Amino acid sequence: QVQLMESGGGLVQAGGSLRLSCAASRSIFGIISMGWYRQVPGKQRDAVATITSGGTTNYADSVKGRFTISRDNANITVYLQLNSLKPEDTAVYYCNLKAIAGRNYWGQGTQVTVSS
């Protein structure tokens, strides 16, 4: 079973920055994409940013220009740089990995809290 290990969440003031990291526990054949989602209590989990195996990125409109996703293919690691953070960015951030044959993996989540 593949595990995704996240790190980098925390408490930051509005306008500050954080960097989230997510590493897979072993190599995986047929990765389609990796990405970050976030969820607040009582709401659905929404996509924040994704990056395909070919390097194509996609961002939620609310984070464009502030967040940057990147990946290290050799180490099966994905990063999310969060800049100019706002209180509305407060959420649990989940790492996701999608691979062929319908495989879909999630990390345990890391809390990001932005104070005003």
N, C-alpha and C. Protein backbone atom coordinates (compact mmCIF):
# COMPACT_ATOMS: atom_id res chain seq x y z
N GLN A 1 0.84 -1.19 0.00
CA GLN A 1 0.00 0.00 0.00
C GLN A 1 0.88 1.25 0.00
N VAL A 2 0.53 2.20 -0.81
CA VAL A 2 1.29 3.44 -0.89
C VAL A 2 0.81 4.40 0.18
N GLN A 3 1.74 5.05 0.83
CA GLN A 3 1.42 6.10 1.79
C GLN A 3 1.97 7.42 1.28
N LEU A 4 1.19 8.47 1.47
CA LEU A 4 1.64 9.82 1.14
C LEU A 4 1.88 10.56 2.45
N MET A 5 3.10 11.04 2.62
CA MET A 5 3.50 11.66 3.88
C MET A 5 3.65 13.16 3.68
N GLU A 6 2.79 13.92 4.36
CA GLU A 6 2.76 15.37 4.20
C GLU A 6 3.49 16.05 5.34
N SER A 7 3.99 17.24 5.06
CA SER A 7 4.61 18.05 6.09
C SER A 7 4.53 19.51 5.67
N GLY A 8 4.73 20.40 6.64
CA GLY A 8 4.86 21.81 6.31
C GLY A 8 3.71 22.70 6.71
N GLY A 9 2.63 22.14 7.23
CA GLY A 9 1.53 23.00 7.65
C GLY A 9 1.87 23.75 8.92
N GLY A 10 0.97 24.64 9.32
CA GLY A 10 1.20 25.38 10.54
C GLY A 10 0.36 26.62 10.62
N LEU A 11 0.73 27.48 11.56
CA LEU A 11 0.04 28.75 11.80
C LEU A 11 0.89 29.88 11.26
N VAL A 12 0.27 30.76 10.50
CA VAL A 12 0.98 31.88 9.91
C VAL A 12 0.06 33.09 9.87
N GLN A 13 0.64 34.26 9.91
CA GLN A 13 -0.16 35.48 9.81
C GLN A 13 -0.53 35.75 8.36
N ALA A 14 -1.60 36.47 8.18
CA ALA A 14 -2.00 36.87 6.83
C ALA A 14 -0.85 37.59 6.13
N GLY A 15 -0.67 37.23 4.86
CA GLY A 15 0.44 37.79 4.11
C GLY A 15 1.69 36.94 4.14
N GLY A 16 1.71 35.96 5.03
CA GLY A 16 2.88 35.11 5.18
C GLY A 16 2.91 33.98 4.18
N SER A 17 3.90 33.10 4.35
CA SER A 17 4.12 32.00 3.42
C SER A 17 4.33 30.70 4.17
N LEU A 18 4.01 29.61 3.47
CA LEU A 18 4.29 28.26 3.95
C LEU A 18 4.66 27.42 2.74
N ARG A 19 5.34 26.31 3.00
CA ARG A 19 5.64 25.35 1.94
C ARG A 19 5.23 23.97 2.41
N LEU A 20 4.35 23.36 1.67
CA LEU A 20 3.90 22.01 1.98
C LEU A 20 4.67 21.01 1.11
N SER A 21 4.97 19.86 1.70
CA SER A 21 5.64 18.79 0.97
C SER A 21 4.85 17.50 1.14
N CYS A 22 4.93 16.65 0.13
CA CYS A 22 4.26 15.36 0.18
C CYS A 22 5.11 14.35 -0.57
N ALA A 23 5.50 13.28 0.12
CA ALA A 23 6.33 12.27 -0.50
C ALA A 23 5.64 10.92 -0.46
N ALA A 24 5.73 10.18 -1.55
CA ALA A 24 5.18 8.83 -1.59
C ALA A 24 6.16 7.86 -0.93
N SER A 25 5.61 6.82 -0.31
CA SER A 25 6.45 5.89 0.45
C SER A 25 7.21 4.91 -0.43
N ARG A 26 6.80 4.76 -1.68
CA ARG A 26 7.51 3.87 -2.59
C ARG A 26 7.23 4.30 -4.03
N SER A 27 7.96 3.72 -4.94
CA SER A 27 7.75 4.05 -6.35
C SER A 27 6.40 3.52 -6.82
N ILE A 28 5.84 4.22 -7.78
CA ILE A 28 4.50 3.90 -8.29
C ILE A 28 4.54 3.94 -9.80
N PHE A 29 4.04 2.90 -10.43
CA PHE A 29 4.00 2.87 -11.89
C PHE A 29 2.75 3.59 -12.40
N GLY A 30 2.94 4.36 -13.45
CA GLY A 30 1.79 4.95 -14.12
C GLY A 30 1.15 6.13 -13.42
N ILE A 31 1.98 6.99 -12.83
CA ILE A 31 1.41 8.18 -12.19
C ILE A 31 0.81 9.10 -13.25
N ILE A 32 -0.39 9.56 -12.99
CA ILE A 32 -1.06 10.49 -13.89
C ILE A 32 -0.86 11.92 -13.40
N SER A 33 -1.11 12.12 -12.11
CA SER A 33 -0.97 13.45 -11.55
C SER A 33 -0.77 13.38 -10.04
N MET A 34 -0.25 14.46 -9.51
CA MET A 34 -0.20 14.67 -8.07
C MET A 34 -0.78 16.05 -7.80
N GLY A 35 -1.28 16.24 -6.60
CA GLY A 35 -1.88 17.53 -6.34
C GLY A 35 -2.23 17.75 -4.89
N TRP A 36 -2.80 18.92 -4.65
CA TRP A 36 -3.21 19.33 -3.32
C TRP A 36 -4.69 19.73 -3.34
N TYR A 37 -5.40 19.29 -2.32
CA TYR A 37 -6.79 19.64 -2.11
C TYR A 37 -6.91 20.23 -0.71
N ARG A 38 -8.00 20.92 -0.46
CA ARG A 38 -8.20 21.44 0.90
C ARG A 38 -9.67 21.32 1.29
N GLN A 39 -9.85 21.26 2.60
CA GLN A 39 -11.20 21.07 3.12
C GLN A 39 -11.36 21.79 4.44
N VAL A 40 -12.48 22.47 4.58
CA VAL A 40 -12.85 23.09 5.85
C VAL A 40 -14.05 22.33 6.40
N PRO A 41 -14.25 22.36 7.71
CA PRO A 41 -15.35 21.58 8.30
C PRO A 41 -16.69 21.93 7.67
N GLY A 42 -17.44 20.89 7.34
CA GLY A 42 -18.77 21.08 6.79
C GLY A 42 -18.82 21.34 5.30
N LYS A 43 -17.66 21.37 4.66
CA LYS A 43 -17.63 21.63 3.21
C LYS A 43 -16.91 20.50 2.49
N GLN A 44 -17.09 20.45 1.18
CA GLN A 44 -16.45 19.41 0.40
C GLN A 44 -14.96 19.71 0.24
N ARG A 45 -14.25 18.66 -0.13
CA ARG A 45 -12.83 18.81 -0.39
C ARG A 45 -12.66 19.34 -1.82
N ASP A 46 -11.93 20.44 -1.95
CA ASP A 46 -11.77 21.09 -3.24
C ASP A 46 -10.32 21.04 -3.71
N ALA A 47 -10.15 20.97 -5.01
CA ALA A 47 -8.82 20.99 -5.59
C ALA A 47 -8.21 22.37 -5.46
N VAL A 48 -6.95 22.41 -5.08
CA VAL A 48 -6.19 23.66 -4.98
C VAL A 48 -5.24 23.77 -6.17
N ALA A 49 -4.45 22.74 -6.38
CA ALA A 49 -3.48 22.75 -7.47
C ALA A 49 -3.11 21.32 -7.81
N THR A 50 -2.93 21.06 -9.11
CA THR A 50 -2.51 19.74 -9.55
C THR A 50 -1.40 19.88 -10.59
N ILE A 51 -0.61 18.82 -10.71
CA ILE A 51 0.45 18.80 -11.71
C ILE A 51 0.50 17.40 -12.30
N THR A 52 0.49 17.32 -13.63
CA THR A 52 0.50 16.03 -14.30
C THR A 52 1.92 15.49 -14.39
N SER A 53 2.02 14.24 -14.82
CA SER A 53 3.34 13.65 -14.99
C SER A 53 4.15 14.39 -16.04
N GLY A 54 3.46 15.05 -16.95
CA GLY A 54 4.15 15.84 -17.98
C GLY A 54 4.48 17.25 -17.56
N GLY A 55 4.03 17.64 -16.37
CA GLY A 55 4.36 18.95 -15.85
C GLY A 55 3.29 20.02 -16.04
N THR A 56 2.15 19.64 -16.58
CA THR A 56 1.06 20.61 -16.74
C THR A 56 0.43 20.90 -15.39
N THR A 57 0.28 22.17 -15.08
CA THR A 57 -0.27 22.57 -13.79
C THR A 57 -1.66 23.17 -13.97
N ASN A 58 -2.43 23.07 -12.89
CA ASN A 58 -3.77 23.65 -12.88
C ASN A 58 -4.04 24.17 -11.47
N TYR A 59 -4.61 25.36 -11.39
CA TYR A 59 -4.84 25.99 -10.09
C TYR A 59 -6.30 26.42 -9.95
N ALA A 60 -6.77 26.37 -8.73
CA ALA A 60 -8.06 26.98 -8.44
C ALA A 60 -7.94 28.48 -8.63
N ASP A 61 -9.00 29.11 -9.09
CA ASP A 61 -8.95 30.55 -9.35
C ASP A 61 -8.56 31.33 -8.09
N SER A 62 -8.98 30.85 -6.94
CA SER A 62 -8.74 31.58 -5.70
C SER A 62 -7.27 31.62 -5.28
N VAL A 63 -6.45 30.76 -5.86
CA VAL A 63 -5.04 30.71 -5.45
C VAL A 63 -4.09 31.08 -6.58
N LYS A 64 -4.61 31.33 -7.76
CA LYS A 64 -3.73 31.68 -8.89
C LYS A 64 -2.92 32.92 -8.57
N GLY A 65 -1.63 32.85 -8.88
CA GLY A 65 -0.75 33.96 -8.61
C GLY A 65 -0.19 33.99 -7.20
N ARG A 66 -0.72 33.14 -6.32
CA ARG A 66 -0.23 33.11 -4.94
C ARG A 66 0.40 31.76 -4.58
N PHE A 67 -0.13 30.69 -5.10
CA PHE A 67 0.38 29.35 -4.81
C PHE A 67 1.10 28.80 -6.03
N THR A 68 2.12 27.99 -5.77
CA THR A 68 2.86 27.35 -6.85
C THR A 68 3.07 25.88 -6.52
N ILE A 69 2.68 25.01 -7.44
CA ILE A 69 2.89 23.58 -7.26
C ILE A 69 4.09 23.15 -8.09
N SER A 70 4.87 22.23 -7.53
CA SER A 70 6.01 21.68 -8.25
C SER A 70 6.20 20.23 -7.80
N ARG A 71 7.01 19.49 -8.55
CA ARG A 71 7.21 18.09 -8.18
C ARG A 71 8.62 17.65 -8.49
N ASP A 72 9.05 16.64 -7.75
CA ASP A 72 10.34 15.99 -7.94
C ASP A 72 10.02 14.57 -8.37
N ASN A 73 10.07 14.31 -9.66
CA ASN A 73 9.66 13.00 -10.16
C ASN A 73 10.53 11.87 -9.60
N ALA A 74 11.80 12.14 -9.45
CA ALA A 74 12.71 11.08 -9.00
C ALA A 74 12.35 10.60 -7.60
N ASN A 75 11.90 11.52 -6.77
CA ASN A 75 11.60 11.16 -5.38
C ASN A 75 10.10 11.08 -5.12
N ILE A 76 9.30 11.17 -6.16
CA ILE A 76 7.84 11.10 -6.07
C ILE A 76 7.36 12.03 -4.96
N THR A 77 7.75 13.27 -5.09
CA THR A 77 7.42 14.29 -4.10
C THR A 77 6.76 15.46 -4.80
N VAL A 78 5.74 16.00 -4.16
CA VAL A 78 5.08 17.19 -4.68
C VAL A 78 5.11 18.27 -3.62
N TYR A 79 5.28 19.50 -4.06
CA TYR A 79 5.37 20.64 -3.17
C TYR A 79 4.27 21.65 -3.50
N LEU A 80 3.89 22.41 -2.49
CA LEU A 80 2.99 23.53 -2.70
C LEU A 80 3.54 24.72 -1.93
N GLN A 81 3.95 25.74 -2.67
CA GLN A 81 4.40 26.99 -2.07
C GLN A 81 3.20 27.91 -1.94
N LEU A 82 2.92 28.31 -0.72
CA LEU A 82 1.76 29.16 -0.44
C LEU A 82 2.28 30.55 -0.04
N ASN A 83 2.03 31.53 -0.87
CA ASN A 83 2.44 32.91 -0.59
C ASN A 83 1.22 33.80 -0.44
N SER A 84 1.43 34.95 0.16
CA SER A 84 0.36 35.94 0.34
C SER A 84 -0.88 35.28 0.93
N LEU A 85 -0.68 34.54 1.97
CA LEU A 85 -1.78 33.77 2.55
C LEU A 85 -2.86 34.67 3.13
N LYS A 86 -4.09 34.19 3.02
CA LYS A 86 -5.26 34.91 3.50
C LYS A 86 -5.97 34.04 4.53
N PRO A 87 -6.74 34.66 5.44
CA PRO A 87 -7.49 33.84 6.41
C PRO A 87 -8.38 32.80 5.74
N GLU A 88 -8.91 33.11 4.56
CA GLU A 88 -9.78 32.15 3.88
C GLU A 88 -9.02 30.96 3.31
N ASP A 89 -7.70 30.97 3.38
CA ASP A 89 -6.92 29.80 2.99
C ASP A 89 -6.84 28.76 4.12
N THR A 90 -7.32 29.12 5.28
CA THR A 90 -7.31 28.20 6.41
C THR A 90 -8.11 26.95 6.09
N ALA A 91 -7.47 25.79 6.23
CA ALA A 91 -8.10 24.52 5.89
C ALA A 91 -7.13 23.39 6.21
N VAL A 92 -7.63 22.17 6.11
CA VAL A 92 -6.76 21.01 6.10
C VAL A 92 -6.40 20.74 4.65
N TYR A 93 -5.12 20.66 4.38
CA TYR A 93 -4.63 20.44 3.02
C TYR A 93 -4.24 18.97 2.87
N TYR A 94 -4.76 18.36 1.81
CA TYR A 94 -4.51 16.93 1.55
C TYR A 94 -3.73 16.77 0.25
N CYS A 95 -2.75 15.90 0.31
CA CYS A 95 -2.00 15.51 -0.87
C CYS A 95 -2.74 14.38 -1.58
N ASN A 96 -2.69 14.38 -2.90
CA ASN A 96 -3.37 13.36 -3.69
C ASN A 96 -2.45 12.87 -4.81
N LEU A 97 -2.53 11.60 -5.09
CA LEU A 97 -1.80 11.00 -6.20
C LEU A 97 -2.76 10.12 -6.98
N LYS A 98 -2.81 10.32 -8.29
CA LYS A 98 -3.65 9.50 -9.17
C LYS A 98 -2.75 8.73 -10.12
N ALA A 99 -3.07 7.45 -10.29
CA ALA A 99 -2.30 6.61 -11.20
C ALA A 99 -3.26 5.79 -12.05
N ILE A 100 -2.71 5.17 -13.07
CA ILE A 100 -3.54 4.37 -13.97
C ILE A 100 -4.22 3.23 -13.24
N ALA A 101 -5.26 2.69 -13.88
CA ALA A 101 -6.05 1.59 -13.31
C ALA A 101 -6.86 2.06 -12.11
N GLY A 102 -7.19 3.33 -12.10
CA GLY A 102 -8.09 3.85 -11.08
C GLY A 102 -7.51 4.02 -9.70
N ARG A 103 -6.21 3.94 -9.59
CA ARG A 103 -5.60 4.10 -8.27
C ARG A 103 -5.60 5.56 -7.86
N ASN A 104 -6.01 5.78 -6.61
CA ASN A 104 -6.17 7.13 -6.08
C ASN A 104 -5.76 7.12 -4.62
N TYR A 105 -4.74 7.89 -4.27
CA TYR A 105 -4.20 7.86 -2.91
C TYR A 105 -4.30 9.24 -2.29
N TRP A 106 -4.50 9.24 -0.96
CA TRP A 106 -4.60 10.48 -0.20
C TRP A 106 -3.64 10.47 0.98
N GLY A 107 -3.11 11.65 1.29
CA GLY A 107 -2.35 11.81 2.52
C GLY A 107 -3.29 11.98 3.70
N GLN A 108 -2.71 12.10 4.88
CA GLN A 108 -3.51 12.19 6.10
C GLN A 108 -4.00 13.61 6.35
N GLY A 109 -3.46 14.58 5.65
CA GLY A 109 -3.86 15.97 5.82
C GLY A 109 -2.94 16.73 6.73
N THR A 110 -2.75 18.00 6.42
CA THR A 110 -1.95 18.88 7.26
C THR A 110 -2.70 20.20 7.40
N GLN A 111 -2.76 20.69 8.63
CA GLN A 111 -3.54 21.90 8.92
C GLN A 111 -2.76 23.14 8.56
N VAL A 112 -3.41 24.04 7.84
CA VAL A 112 -2.88 25.37 7.57
C VAL A 112 -3.87 26.37 8.19
N THR A 113 -3.35 27.20 9.08
CA THR A 113 -4.17 28.20 9.73
C THR A 113 -3.56 29.57 9.50
N VAL A 114 -4.36 30.48 8.95
CA VAL A 114 -3.89 31.83 8.65
C VAL A 114 -4.66 32.80 9.54
N SER A 115 -3.94 33.50 10.38
CA SER A 115 -4.57 34.46 11.28
C SER A 115 -4.61 35.84 10.65
N SER A 116 -5.65 36.57 11.00
CA SER A 116 -5.81 37.92 10.42
C SER A 116 -5.13 38.98 11.25
